[in-house]
Amino acid sequence: MFGLLDWMKIAGGAALGFVACLTINAFVWLPAARDEARQQERAAALQKSMELIEERGKTNAEIRNLDDAGLCAALGGLYVNGACQ
């Protein structure tokens, strides 16, 4: 059977293993996970920005192609005698 010294060795080894695991977690795994999360967030923000820029380009092209009467109507006005009212 195990004596008191054997149990103390087992407990000490378990404690050292636990401390080693916490240390690796704090200095290796968590920073890597944070960096990965930041990179994913940046990529998502960049993708959203590109989609908004593309959509804005389409809107600008549509507005650029409108004549005065069409622009007035798009803004909710009424084009009468060469003036938007």
C-alpha atoms as a PDB file:
ATOM      1  CA  MET A   1       0.000   0.000   0.000  1.00  0.00           C
ATOM      2  CA  PHE A   2       0.905   3.594  -0.134  1.00  0.00           C
ATOM      3  CA  GLY A   3       2.497   5.316   2.786  1.00  0.00           C
ATOM      4  CA  LEU A   4       2.117   8.950   3.758  1.00  0.00           C
ATOM      5  CA  LEU A   5       5.240   9.918   1.813  1.00  0.00           C
ATOM      6  CA  ASP A   6       3.902   8.275  -1.333  1.00  0.00           C
ATOM      7  CA  TRP A   7       0.612  10.195  -1.051  1.00  0.00           C
ATOM      8  CA  MET A   8       2.543  13.421  -0.531  1.00  0.00           C
ATOM      9  CA  LYS A   9       4.577  12.725  -3.686  1.00  0.00           C
ATOM     10  CA  ILE A  10       1.403  12.064  -5.672  1.00  0.00           C
ATOM     11  CA  ALA A  11      -0.242  15.238  -4.341  1.00  0.00           C
ATOM     12  CA  GLY A  12       2.891  17.270  -5.050  1.00  0.00           C
ATOM     13  CA  GLY A  13       3.067  15.946  -8.603  1.00  0.00           C
ATOM     14  CA  ALA A  14      -0.596  16.724  -9.164  1.00  0.00           C
ATOM     15  CA  ALA A  15      -0.113  20.245  -7.801  1.00  0.00           C
ATOM     16  CA  LEU A  16       2.923  20.834 -10.040  1.00  0.00           C
ATOM     17  CA  GLY A  17       1.013  19.526 -13.041  1.00  0.00           C
ATOM     18  CA  PHE A  18      -1.895  21.836 -12.237  1.00  0.00           C
ATOM     19  CA  VAL A  19       0.419  24.841 -11.883  1.00  0.00           C
ATOM     20  CA  ALA A  20       2.166  23.943 -15.151  1.00  0.00           C
ATOM     21  CA  CYS A  21      -1.169  23.677 -16.931  1.00  0.00           C
ATOM     22  CA  LEU A  22      -2.291  27.078 -15.573  1.00  0.00           C
ATOM     23  CA  THR A  23       1.001  28.654 -16.627  1.00  0.00           C
ATOM     24  CA  ILE A  24       0.791  27.271 -20.156  1.00  0.00           C
ATOM     25  CA  ASN A  25      -2.816  28.395 -20.373  1.00  0.00           C
ATOM     26  CA  ALA A  26      -2.015  31.933 -19.199  1.00  0.00           C
ATOM     27  CA  PHE A  27       1.049  32.489 -21.368  1.00  0.00           C
ATOM     28  CA  VAL A  28       0.432  30.407 -24.496  1.00  0.00           C
ATOM     29  CA  TRP A  29      -3.150  29.357 -25.177  1.00  0.00           C
ATOM     30  CA  LEU A  30      -5.091  32.444 -24.037  1.00  0.00           C
ATOM     31  CA  PRO A  31      -2.953  35.009 -25.925  1.00  0.00           C
ATOM     32  CA  ALA A  32      -3.142  32.859 -29.060  1.00  0.00           C
ATOM     33  CA  ALA A  33      -6.925  32.619 -28.742  1.00  0.00           C
ATOM     34  CA  ARG A  34      -7.201  36.382 -28.227  1.00  0.00           C
ATOM     35  CA  ASP A  35      -5.055  37.055 -31.299  1.00  0.00           C
ATOM     36  CA  GLU A  36      -7.156  34.688 -33.384  1.00  0.00           C
ATOM     37  CA  ALA A  37     -10.366  36.349 -32.196  1.00  0.00           C
ATOM     38  CA  ARG A  38      -8.945  39.794 -33.041  1.00  0.00           C
ATOM     39  CA  GLN A  39      -7.965  38.631 -36.508  1.00  0.00           C
ATOM     40  CA  GLN A  40     -11.427  37.196 -37.136  1.00  0.00           C
ATOM     41  CA  GLU A  41     -13.041  40.400 -35.923  1.00  0.00           C
ATOM     42  CA  ARG A  42     -10.808  42.516 -38.161  1.00  0.00           C
ATOM     43  CA  ALA A  43     -11.555  40.297 -41.148  1.00  0.00           C
ATOM     44  CA  ALA A  44     -15.301  40.583 -40.519  1.00  0.00           C
ATOM     45  CA  ALA A  45     -15.044  44.376 -40.186  1.00  0.00           C
ATOM     46  CA  LEU A  46     -13.024  44.599 -43.403  1.00  0.00           C
ATOM     47  CA  GLN A  47     -15.555  42.427 -45.243  1.00  0.00           C
ATOM     48  CA  LYS A  48     -18.432  44.604 -44.012  1.00  0.00           C
ATOM     49  CA  SER A  49     -16.562  47.765 -45.044  1.00  0.00           C
ATOM     50  CA  MET A  50     -15.959  46.383 -48.529  1.00  0.00           C
ATOM     51  CA  GLU A  51     -19.651  45.491 -48.878  1.00  0.00           C
ATOM     52  CA  LEU A  52     -20.682  49.005 -47.788  1.00  0.00           C
ATOM     53  CA  ILE A  53     -18.236  50.622 -50.230  1.00  0.00           C
ATOM     54  CA  GLU A  54     -19.517  48.445 -53.058  1.00  0.00           C
ATOM     55  CA  GLU A  55     -23.127  49.300 -52.190  1.00  0.00           C
ATOM     56  CA  ARG A  56     -22.259  52.999 -52.004  1.00  0.00           C
ATOM     57  CA  GLY A  57     -20.628  52.783 -55.444  1.00  0.00           C
ATOM     58  CA  LYS A  58     -23.825  51.340 -56.891  1.00  0.00           C
ATOM     59  CA  THR A  59     -25.890  54.087 -55.254  1.00  0.00           C
ATOM     60  CA  ASN A  60     -23.561  56.776 -56.593  1.00  0.00           C
ATOM     61  CA  ALA A  61     -23.833  55.331 -60.109  1.00  0.00           C
ATOM     62  CA  GLU A  62     -27.632  55.334 -59.934  1.00  0.00           C
ATOM     63  CA  ILE A  63     -27.727  58.943 -58.725  1.00  0.00           C
ATOM     64  CA  ARG A  64     -25.176  60.031 -61.325  1.00  0.00           C
ATOM     65  CA  ASN A  65     -27.397  58.610 -64.071  1.00  0.00           C
ATOM     66  CA  LEU A  66     -30.497  60.544 -62.961  1.00  0.00           C
ATOM     67  CA  ASP A  67     -31.537  63.709 -64.743  1.00  0.00           C
ATOM     68  CA  ASP A  68     -32.749  66.749 -62.817  1.00  0.00           C
ATOM     69  CA  ALA A  69     -36.375  65.592 -62.794  1.00  0.00           C
ATOM     70  CA  GLY A  70     -35.429  62.075 -61.674  1.00  0.00           C
ATOM     71  CA  LEU A  71     -33.195  63.402 -58.903  1.00  0.00           C
ATOM     72  CA  CYS A  72     -35.965  65.743 -57.738  1.00  0.00           C
ATOM     73  CA  ALA A  73     -38.454  62.859 -57.671  1.00  0.00           C
ATOM     74  CA  ALA A  74     -35.979  60.603 -55.818  1.00  0.00           C
ATOM     75  CA  LEU A  75     -35.672  63.291 -53.144  1.00  0.00           C
ATOM     76  CA  GLY A  76     -39.438  63.486 -52.808  1.00  0.00           C
ATOM     77  CA  GLY A  77     -39.946  66.706 -54.708  1.00  0.00           C
ATOM     78  CA  LEU A  78     -41.946  67.714 -57.734  1.00  0.00           C
ATOM     79  CA  TYR A  79     -40.127  68.979 -60.816  1.00  0.00           C
ATOM     80  CA  VAL A  80     -42.126  71.811 -62.371  1.00  0.00           C
ATOM     81  CA  ASN A  81     -40.942  74.323 -64.987  1.00  0.00           C
ATOM     82  CA  GLY A  82     -37.276  73.436 -64.569  1.00  0.00           C
ATOM     83  CA  ALA A  83     -37.274  73.705 -60.764  1.00  0.00           C
ATOM     84  CA  CYS A  84     -37.622  71.172 -57.971  1.00  0.00           C
ATOM     85  CA  GLN A  85     -40.384  72.031 -55.540  1.00  0.00           C
END
